[in-house]
């Protein structure tokens, strides 16, 4: 083992990093000027950008039939090797933070066997962020799990929270001092979203067939993934995993700010206003209470609005602009979910994802400007909003959609891996440099 853990463990750099959540934001005299510690950046997940993560559950699912994936992730953006270039791009644009993930499947490729080489790799990534003046915001789990974990039943097995907590403890002991902030799960309520969204729900039969194929391929009686697990079984176990993971990270790095992110779409009722609360309960369940007791902050991740009536989801108004991801262009949703989170949970709020899939970069710029206008209004109201992180820095692997959906500020040639900045990258970077909306 290298001597890096002695340098990075238990919040050695925490004094320089700062908690980032302790100070309540007050409405500024000029609401366009943001607090000096406001975080500007982009978000990216390890699996979607690194490539060749062969020990992950998703890799197997890409390579069996039937499959939910239109194409394989393969090399992705090769960010596993090109992370320094990506981080330099983010810094040069004017951002001051970098939301990224560490891959459990790389760090613990087989049960109980932790890779010091991979921990060193992620330490290098974090140190590179620091050298470029970017504060790392680290996600411990962004949907994917090790193949062995999925094959033993994933988060549908009673002792699964203990396995997740062990991974969190090991990673935090090794890497925590280099982190600025951390979250346990990305969109912890993703299973509830899958169950309630018509588009996702239609894929459930195929998902079950794909999981059965993965079980057969691994000789497992129950192969389970985060997104398509049975939420009745997995949700309480994931909530316990979050609590235990939170405690494990805090035990290793007491001063590290640890939160959770939720998918927080704006639910609007067509008709009876009480439907909003009903559908919010379907989307968030008891995660609201979990966030109240076991989170230093909440990560809001908003892309659009949901319109509901007594029969369920209803289509956007006729003539509505739609994004390439198939949902309504509605950047105003971000302000609505910030207000909901402030009222319902009452923790400091970080916008950890906000973005749009489009090949028309003028619409990306328009989306960013309108979303940020909502952030400005919320801050002017005295709501403690501490960041805006755009999804995503790169056009990367968008799960079942493959490489067809482009959320990035930066285009990536999948053959040469050349990065090309879009006008929206400079636009958001200029706003970040000015720290003014």
Protein backbone atom coordinates (compact mmCIF):
# COMPACT_ATOMS: atom_id res chain seq x y z
CA UNK A 1 0.00 0.00 0.00
CA UNK A 2 1.19 3.51 -0.73
CA UNK A 3 1.47 6.15 1.96
CA UNK A 4 -1.37 8.19 0.43
CA UNK A 5 -3.97 7.23 3.09
CA UNK A 6 -1.84 8.86 5.78
CA UNK A 7 -2.11 12.09 3.84
CA UNK A 8 -5.74 12.01 2.87
CA UNK A 9 -7.62 10.30 5.71
CA UNK A 10 -9.92 11.82 8.28
CA UNK A 11 -10.37 15.27 6.89
CA UNK A 12 -6.75 16.42 6.65
CA UNK A 13 -7.80 18.84 3.95
CA UNK A 14 -11.21 19.48 5.46
CA UNK A 15 -10.08 22.76 6.92
CA UNK A 16 -9.22 24.01 3.45
CA UNK A 17 -12.32 22.47 1.95
CA UNK A 18 -14.80 23.87 4.43
CA UNK A 19 -18.17 22.37 5.12
CA UNK A 20 -19.97 24.44 2.54
CA UNK A 21 -23.32 24.10 4.27
CA UNK A 22 -23.05 25.75 7.66
CA UNK A 23 -23.83 29.30 6.59
CA UNK A 24 -27.41 30.16 5.81
CA UNK A 25 -27.73 32.30 2.73
CA UNK A 26 -29.41 35.62 3.29
CA UNK A 27 -31.22 37.46 0.57
CA UNK A 28 -28.63 39.77 -0.95
CA UNK A 29 -29.29 43.41 -1.61
CA UNK A 30 -28.63 42.60 -5.25
CA UNK A 31 -30.03 39.08 -5.77
CA UNK A 32 -28.02 38.71 -8.97
CA UNK A 33 -24.75 38.61 -7.00
CA UNK A 34 -24.26 35.23 -5.33
CA UNK A 35 -22.37 34.38 -2.13
CA UNK A 36 -18.62 33.96 -2.58
CA UNK A 37 -18.76 30.28 -1.61
CA UNK A 38 -21.48 29.43 -4.16
CA UNK A 39 -20.47 26.30 -6.09
CA UNK A 40 -20.53 26.34 -9.88
CA UNK A 41 -19.80 23.20 -11.81
CA UNK A 42 -20.90 20.20 -13.77
CA UNK A 43 -21.89 16.70 -12.78
CA UNK A 44 -20.69 13.44 -14.27
CA UNK A 45 -20.90 9.79 -13.27
CA UNK A 46 -18.00 7.38 -13.38
CA UNK A 47 -19.73 4.58 -15.27
CA UNK A 48 -21.16 6.86 -17.94
CA UNK A 49 -17.83 8.48 -18.75
CA UNK A 50 -14.96 6.18 -17.73
CA UNK A 51 -15.55 3.19 -20.01
CA UNK A 52 -14.74 -0.51 -19.72
CA UNK A 53 -16.10 -0.99 -16.23
CA UNK A 54 -16.27 -4.76 -16.70
CA UNK A 55 -16.92 -5.60 -13.03
CA UNK A 56 -20.15 -3.59 -12.86
CA UNK A 57 -23.67 -4.99 -13.05
CA UNK A 58 -24.53 -2.70 -15.98
CA UNK A 59 -21.66 -4.06 -18.07
CA UNK A 60 -23.11 -7.57 -17.93
CA UNK A 61 -26.57 -6.26 -18.75
CA UNK A 62 -25.26 -4.45 -21.80
CA UNK A 63 -23.77 -7.68 -23.09
CA UNK A 64 -26.60 -10.18 -22.64
CA UNK A 65 -29.96 -10.68 -24.29
CA UNK A 66 -32.56 -9.51 -23.72
CA UNK A 67 -31.15 -6.13 -22.77
CA UNK A 68 -32.46 -2.68 -21.89
CA UNK A 69 -29.47 -1.07 -23.60
CA UNK A 70 -29.58 0.13 -27.20
CA UNK A 71 -25.80 -0.02 -27.38
CA UNK A 72 -22.81 -0.86 -25.20
CA UNK A 73 -20.87 1.67 -23.17
CA UNK A 74 -17.52 0.26 -24.39
CA UNK A 75 -14.83 2.94 -23.99
CA UNK A 76 -17.42 5.60 -23.12
CA UNK A 77 -15.53 8.93 -23.09
CA UNK A 78 -12.36 7.21 -21.86
CA UNK A 79 -12.44 9.50 -18.84
CA UNK A 80 -10.80 6.79 -16.77
CA UNK A 81 -7.60 7.74 -18.59
CA UNK A 82 -8.47 11.28 -19.68
CA UNK A 83 -9.82 12.64 -16.40
CA UNK A 84 -7.04 15.25 -16.19
CA UNK A 85 -8.14 16.72 -19.52
CA UNK A 86 -11.78 16.82 -18.40
CA UNK A 87 -10.91 18.46 -15.10
CA UNK A 88 -8.72 21.04 -16.85
CA UNK A 89 -11.59 21.86 -19.21
CA UNK A 90 -13.95 22.40 -16.29
CA UNK A 91 -11.44 24.63 -14.50
CA UNK A 92 -10.60 26.63 -17.62
CA UNK A 93 -14.29 27.31 -18.18
CA UNK A 94 -14.44 29.05 -14.80
CA UNK A 95 -16.08 26.48 -12.54
CA UNK A 96 -15.03 25.99 -8.93
CA UNK A 97 -16.38 22.50 -8.22
CA UNK A 98 -16.53 19.13 -9.94
CA UNK A 99 -19.22 16.59 -9.15
CA UNK A 100 -17.98 13.09 -9.90
CA UNK A 101 -18.42 9.50 -8.81
CA UNK A 102 -16.24 6.73 -7.50
CA UNK A 103 -17.04 3.25 -8.80
CA UNK A 104 -17.75 0.61 -6.18
CA UNK A 105 -17.22 -2.06 -8.85
CA UNK A 106 -13.64 -0.88 -9.39
CA UNK A 107 -12.80 -0.34 -5.74
CA UNK A 108 -14.26 -3.68 -4.56
CA UNK A 109 -14.20 -5.84 -7.71
CA UNK A 110 -14.80 -9.02 -5.73
CA UNK A 111 -16.51 -9.37 -2.39
CA UNK A 112 -14.27 -8.24 0.46
CA UNK A 113 -11.29 -7.52 -1.79
CA UNK A 114 -10.51 -3.81 -2.04
CA UNK A 115 -8.16 -2.52 -4.71
CA UNK A 116 -5.51 -0.12 -3.45
CA UNK A 117 -4.60 0.61 -7.07
CA UNK A 118 -8.13 1.82 -7.80
CA UNK A 119 -8.27 3.82 -4.58
CA UNK A 120 -4.99 5.42 -5.67
CA UNK A 121 -6.56 6.16 -9.05
CA UNK A 122 -9.47 8.03 -7.49
CA UNK A 123 -7.12 9.81 -5.13
CA UNK A 124 -5.26 11.04 -8.21
CA UNK A 125 -8.54 12.25 -9.72
CA UNK A 126 -9.41 14.14 -6.53
CA UNK A 127 -5.93 15.59 -6.22
CA UNK A 128 -6.13 16.75 -9.85
CA UNK A 129 -9.35 18.55 -9.03
CA UNK A 130 -7.65 20.26 -6.11
CA UNK A 131 -4.66 21.29 -8.22
CA UNK A 132 -7.06 22.97 -10.66
CA UNK A 133 -8.97 24.79 -7.93
CA UNK A 134 -12.04 22.56 -8.18
CA UNK A 135 -13.77 21.34 -5.04
CA UNK A 136 -14.70 17.68 -5.52
CA UNK A 137 -18.31 16.74 -4.80
CA UNK A 138 -18.23 12.94 -4.71
CA UNK A 139 -21.03 10.44 -5.24
CA UNK A 140 -20.41 7.04 -3.67
CA UNK A 141 -23.06 5.25 -5.74
CA UNK A 142 -24.45 6.41 -9.07
CA UNK A 143 -26.82 3.51 -9.90
CA UNK A 144 -24.21 0.84 -10.70
CA UNK A 145 -22.99 -1.79 -8.24
CA UNK A 146 -20.33 -4.52 -8.40
CA UNK A 147 -21.36 -7.58 -10.37
CA UNK A 148 -20.93 -9.79 -7.31
CA UNK A 149 -23.22 -7.53 -5.27
CA UNK A 150 -25.99 -7.62 -7.89
CA UNK A 151 -25.60 -11.39 -8.23
CA UNK A 152 -26.13 -11.90 -4.50
CA UNK A 153 -29.42 -9.98 -4.73
CA UNK A 154 -28.33 -6.33 -4.62
CA UNK A 155 -30.40 -4.14 -2.31
CA UNK A 156 -33.05 -6.85 -1.98
CA UNK A 157 -30.98 -8.82 0.53
CA UNK A 158 -31.31 -7.99 4.25
CA UNK A 159 -27.57 -7.57 4.89
CA UNK A 160 -26.97 -5.37 1.82
CA UNK A 161 -26.76 -2.14 3.88
CA UNK A 162 -23.75 -3.57 5.73
CA UNK A 163 -21.91 -4.23 2.46
CA UNK A 164 -22.57 -0.70 1.25
CA UNK A 165 -21.47 0.78 4.58
CA UNK A 166 -18.22 -1.19 4.43
CA UNK A 167 -17.49 0.21 0.97
CA UNK A 168 -18.29 3.72 2.21
CA UNK A 169 -16.03 3.35 5.25
CA UNK A 170 -13.09 2.02 3.26
CA UNK A 171 -13.40 4.70 0.58
CA UNK A 172 -13.87 7.52 3.07
CA UNK A 173 -10.84 6.46 5.11
CA UNK A 174 -8.72 6.50 1.98
CA UNK A 175 -10.21 9.40 0.03
CA UNK A 176 -12.34 11.47 2.36
CA UNK A 177 -9.75 14.10 3.16
CA UNK A 178 -9.60 15.04 -0.52
CA UNK A 179 -13.36 15.48 -0.85
CA UNK A 180 -15.16 18.77 -0.42
CA UNK A 181 -18.59 17.18 -0.02
CA UNK A 182 -20.09 13.75 -0.57
CA UNK A 183 -23.38 12.02 -1.24
CA UNK A 184 -24.16 8.37 -0.65
CA UNK A 185 -26.65 7.65 -3.44
CA UNK A 186 -27.43 9.47 -6.66
CA UNK A 187 -31.20 9.85 -6.96
CA UNK A 188 -31.89 7.47 -4.11
CA UNK A 189 -35.59 7.38 -5.05
CA UNK A 190 -34.95 6.24 -8.62
CA UNK A 191 -36.92 3.02 -8.08
CA UNK A 192 -40.00 5.01 -7.15
CA UNK A 193 -39.62 7.13 -10.27
CA UNK A 194 -39.32 3.99 -12.43
CA UNK A 195 -42.54 2.59 -10.96
CA UNK A 196 -44.59 5.75 -11.46
CA UNK A 197 -43.38 6.98 -14.86
CA UNK A 198 -45.29 5.44 -17.79
CA UNK A 199 -42.21 5.34 -20.03
CA UNK A 200 -40.14 3.51 -17.43
CA UNK A 201 -43.02 1.30 -16.33
CA UNK A 202 -43.42 -0.02 -19.88
CA UNK A 203 -39.84 -1.27 -19.71
CA UNK A 204 -40.37 -3.24 -16.49
CA UNK A 205 -41.31 -6.54 -18.26
CA UNK A 206 -38.16 -6.31 -20.39
CA UNK A 207 -36.15 -5.38 -17.31
CA UNK A 208 -37.41 -8.47 -15.49
CA UNK A 209 -36.44 -10.65 -18.46
CA UNK A 210 -33.01 -9.01 -18.59
CA UNK A 211 -32.51 -9.57 -14.85
CA UNK A 212 -33.50 -13.22 -15.27
CA UNK A 213 -30.91 -13.56 -18.04
CA UNK A 214 -28.28 -11.96 -15.82
CA UNK A 215 -29.19 -14.33 -13.00
CA UNK A 216 -28.76 -17.30 -15.32
CA UNK A 217 -25.44 -15.96 -16.60
CA UNK A 218 -24.08 -15.57 -13.05
CA UNK A 219 -25.69 -18.63 -11.51
CA UNK A 220 -27.57 -16.37 -9.14
CA UNK A 221 -31.02 -17.08 -7.70
CA UNK A 222 -31.72 -13.34 -7.66
CA UNK A 223 -29.88 -10.72 -9.75
CA UNK A 224 -30.93 -7.22 -8.74
CA UNK A 225 -30.00 -3.73 -9.90
CA UNK A 226 -30.69 -0.40 -8.22
CA UNK A 227 -33.15 1.04 -10.75
CA UNK A 228 -35.25 -2.06 -11.37
CA UNK A 229 -35.29 -3.67 -7.95
CA UNK A 230 -38.62 -4.28 -6.25
CA UNK A 231 -39.12 -0.98 -4.41
CA UNK A 232 -41.24 -2.57 -1.70
CA UNK A 233 -38.22 -4.65 -0.70
CA UNK A 234 -35.30 -2.48 -1.78
CA UNK A 235 -36.41 1.01 -0.71
CA UNK A 236 -36.25 0.40 3.06
CA UNK A 237 -32.96 -1.45 2.60
CA UNK A 238 -31.49 1.39 0.56
CA UNK A 239 -32.66 3.82 3.21
CA UNK A 240 -30.86 1.78 5.86
CA UNK A 241 -27.84 1.58 3.54
CA UNK A 242 -27.85 5.37 3.28
CA UNK A 243 -28.04 5.78 7.07
CA UNK A 244 -25.24 3.28 7.65
CA UNK A 245 -23.20 4.70 4.80
CA UNK A 246 -23.67 8.22 6.14
CA UNK A 247 -22.52 7.11 9.61
CA UNK A 248 -19.52 5.25 8.13
CA UNK A 249 -18.36 8.25 6.13
CA UNK A 250 -18.81 10.59 9.08
CA UNK A 251 -16.90 8.20 11.34
CA UNK A 252 -13.96 8.31 8.94
CA UNK A 253 -14.22 12.05 8.21
CA UNK A 254 -16.30 13.82 10.88
CA UNK A 255 -15.96 17.24 9.26
CA UNK A 256 -16.96 16.09 5.76
CA UNK A 257 -20.39 17.30 4.71
CA UNK A 258 -22.43 14.26 3.61
CA UNK A 259 -25.81 14.45 1.96
CA UNK A 260 -28.10 12.69 -0.44
CA UNK A 261 -29.56 13.48 -3.85
CA UNK A 262 -33.11 12.80 -5.01
CA UNK A 263 -34.77 12.99 -8.38
CA UNK A 264 -36.97 16.02 -7.71
CA UNK A 265 -39.28 16.67 -10.63
CA UNK A 266 -41.91 19.41 -10.44
CA UNK A 267 -45.32 17.77 -10.00
CA UNK A 268 -48.27 19.88 -11.10
CA UNK A 269 -51.91 18.90 -10.94
CA UNK A 270 -54.37 19.28 -13.79
CA UNK A 271 -57.47 19.77 -11.68
CA UNK A 272 -57.54 18.70 -8.04
CA UNK A 273 -54.62 20.37 -6.24
CA UNK A 274 -54.49 17.56 -3.66
CA UNK A 275 -53.12 15.27 -6.38
CA UNK A 276 -49.76 17.02 -6.06
CA UNK A 277 -49.25 15.72 -2.52
CA UNK A 278 -50.40 12.27 -3.57
CA UNK A 279 -47.88 12.02 -6.39
CA UNK A 280 -45.12 13.62 -4.35
CA UNK A 281 -45.62 10.82 -1.85
CA UNK A 282 -45.30 8.29 -4.68
CA UNK A 283 -42.06 9.89 -5.88
CA UNK A 284 -40.36 10.54 -2.54
CA UNK A 285 -41.92 8.10 -0.09
CA UNK A 286 -40.07 8.13 3.22
CA UNK A 287 -36.89 9.56 1.72
CA UNK A 288 -38.04 12.94 3.01
CA UNK A 289 -37.73 11.75 6.61
CA UNK A 290 -34.42 10.01 5.87
CA UNK A 291 -33.02 13.26 4.48
CA UNK A 292 -34.21 15.15 7.53
CA UNK A 293 -32.32 12.91 9.96
CA UNK A 294 -29.32 11.61 7.98
CA UNK A 295 -28.14 14.31 5.61
CA UNK A 296 -26.18 17.50 6.01
CA UNK A 297 -27.68 18.78 2.75
CA UNK A 298 -30.04 17.75 -0.03
CA UNK A 299 -29.04 17.50 -3.68
CA UNK A 300 -31.88 18.59 -5.97
CA UNK A 301 -31.88 17.02 -9.44
CA UNK A 302 -34.56 18.47 -11.68
CA UNK A 303 -35.16 18.21 -15.41
CA UNK A 304 -38.83 18.93 -16.08
CA UNK A 305 -42.35 18.88 -14.69
CA UNK A 306 -44.94 16.09 -14.40
CA UNK A 307 -48.57 16.90 -15.08
CA UNK A 308 -51.02 14.59 -13.30
CA UNK A 309 -54.75 14.16 -13.06
CA UNK A 310 -57.04 11.66 -11.38
CA UNK A 311 -56.02 9.00 -13.92
CA UNK A 312 -52.28 9.50 -13.60
CA UNK A 313 -49.77 11.25 -15.82
CA UNK A 314 -51.10 13.42 -18.61
CA UNK A 315 -49.37 14.81 -21.68
CA UNK A 316 -47.85 18.30 -21.78
CA UNK A 317 -50.01 21.03 -23.34
CA UNK A 318 -50.40 20.81 -27.10
CA UNK A 319 -47.54 22.51 -28.88
CA UNK A 320 -45.11 22.24 -25.93
CA UNK A 321 -41.43 22.14 -26.80
CA UNK A 322 -39.96 18.73 -26.07
CA UNK A 323 -36.34 17.87 -25.36
CA UNK A 324 -34.49 15.05 -27.10
CA UNK A 325 -34.95 12.96 -23.96
CA UNK A 326 -38.71 13.01 -24.56
CA UNK A 327 -39.85 15.28 -21.78
CA UNK A 328 -41.10 18.84 -21.79
CA UNK A 329 -38.73 21.79 -22.03
CA UNK A 330 -39.59 23.36 -18.69
CA UNK A 331 -36.60 24.88 -16.85
CA UNK A 332 -38.97 26.63 -14.44
CA UNK A 333 -39.29 23.26 -12.71
CA UNK A 334 -36.02 23.81 -10.87
CA UNK A 335 -37.25 26.73 -8.79
CA UNK A 336 -40.41 24.80 -7.90
CA UNK A 337 -38.47 21.79 -6.61
CA UNK A 338 -36.06 24.00 -4.68
CA UNK A 339 -39.03 25.58 -2.91
CA UNK A 340 -40.54 22.14 -2.25
CA UNK A 341 -37.27 20.81 -0.83
CA UNK A 342 -36.85 23.84 1.40
CA UNK A 343 -40.34 23.47 2.81
CA UNK A 344 -40.42 19.68 3.07
CA UNK A 345 -36.90 18.88 4.27
CA UNK A 346 -35.40 22.13 5.53
CA UNK A 347 -31.76 21.32 4.83
CA UNK A 348 -29.24 23.37 2.82
CA UNK A 349 -29.94 22.81 -0.86
CA UNK A 350 -27.46 22.09 -3.62
CA UNK A 351 -28.54 21.86 -7.24
CA UNK A 352 -26.52 18.76 -8.11
CA UNK A 353 -28.08 18.17 -11.54
CA UNK A 354 -29.92 20.39 -14.01
CA UNK A 355 -29.69 19.93 -17.73
CA UNK A 356 -31.19 19.24 -21.12
CA UNK A 357 -30.74 16.73 -23.92
CA UNK A 358 -30.60 18.63 -27.21
CA UNK A 359 -28.50 19.06 -30.32
CA UNK A 360 -29.57 22.71 -30.54
CA UNK A 361 -27.12 24.46 -28.27
CA UNK A 362 -29.11 27.69 -28.37
CA UNK A 363 -31.86 25.82 -26.51
CA UNK A 364 -29.33 24.55 -23.98
CA UNK A 365 -28.30 28.15 -23.31
CA UNK A 366 -31.94 29.18 -22.99
CA UNK A 367 -32.59 26.29 -20.60
CA UNK A 368 -29.62 27.23 -18.43
CA UNK A 369 -30.60 30.90 -18.31
CA UNK A 370 -34.19 30.16 -17.35
CA UNK A 371 -33.20 27.58 -14.74
CA UNK A 372 -30.72 30.02 -13.22
CA UNK A 373 -33.33 32.75 -13.11
CA UNK A 374 -35.31 30.44 -10.83
CA UNK A 375 -32.25 29.85 -8.64
CA UNK A 376 -31.77 33.61 -8.35
CA UNK A 377 -35.41 34.07 -7.32
CA UNK A 378 -35.13 31.35 -4.66
CA UNK A 379 -31.99 32.89 -3.20
CA UNK A 380 -33.70 36.29 -3.16
CA UNK A 381 -36.46 34.67 -1.11
CA UNK A 382 -33.85 33.59 1.44
CA UNK A 383 -33.79 29.91 0.52
CA UNK A 384 -30.32 28.43 1.19
CA UNK A 385 -29.30 27.37 -2.32
CA UNK A 386 -25.55 26.74 -2.46
CA UNK A 387 -24.78 25.47 -5.97
CA UNK A 388 -25.66 24.98 -9.59
CA UNK A 389 -24.15 21.91 -11.24
CA UNK A 390 -25.08 21.28 -14.84
CA UNK A 391 -25.59 17.75 -16.17
CA UNK A 392 -23.29 17.06 -17.82
CA UNK A 393 -19.80 18.20 -18.66
CA UNK A 394 -19.55 15.67 -21.49
CA UNK A 395 -21.87 14.01 -23.95
CA UNK A 396 -21.63 10.59 -22.35
CA UNK A 397 -23.31 7.19 -22.11
CA UNK A 398 -26.97 7.77 -21.29
CA UNK A 399 -27.83 4.31 -20.02
CA UNK A 400 -30.54 2.63 -22.12
CA UNK A 401 -30.39 5.40 -24.72
CA UNK A 402 -26.72 4.76 -25.42
CA UNK A 403 -24.95 7.72 -26.98
CA UNK A 404 -27.97 9.20 -28.77
CA UNK A 405 -28.87 11.79 -26.12
CA UNK A 406 -26.56 14.77 -25.77
CA UNK A 407 -26.67 16.58 -22.44
CA UNK A 408 -23.09 17.79 -22.46
CA UNK A 409 -21.49 21.19 -22.58
CA UNK A 410 -18.66 19.41 -24.38
CA UNK A 411 -19.02 17.05 -27.35
CA UNK A 412 -16.90 13.89 -27.47
CA UNK A 413 -15.75 12.08 -30.60
CA UNK A 414 -16.23 8.43 -29.61
CA UNK A 415 -13.48 7.29 -31.99
CA UNK A 416 -10.71 9.78 -31.20
CA UNK A 417 -12.08 11.01 -27.82
CA UNK A 418 -11.46 14.60 -28.91
CA UNK A 419 -13.35 17.05 -26.68
CA UNK A 420 -15.03 20.01 -28.41
CA UNK A 421 -16.54 22.83 -26.37
CA UNK A 422 -20.01 23.99 -27.27
CA UNK A 423 -21.02 27.67 -26.99
CA UNK A 424 -23.10 26.75 -23.93
CA UNK A 425 -19.92 25.73 -22.12
CA UNK A 426 -18.43 29.21 -22.38
CA UNK A 427 -21.81 30.77 -21.63
CA UNK A 428 -22.22 28.95 -18.31
CA UNK A 429 -18.51 29.35 -17.54
CA UNK A 430 -18.76 33.12 -17.96
CA UNK A 431 -21.70 33.22 -15.55
CA UNK A 432 -19.74 31.13 -13.05
CA UNK A 433 -16.70 33.44 -13.28
CA UNK A 434 -18.87 36.47 -12.63
CA UNK A 435 -20.75 34.65 -9.84
CA UNK A 436 -23.73 36.63 -10.89
CA UNK A 437 -27.06 35.58 -12.40
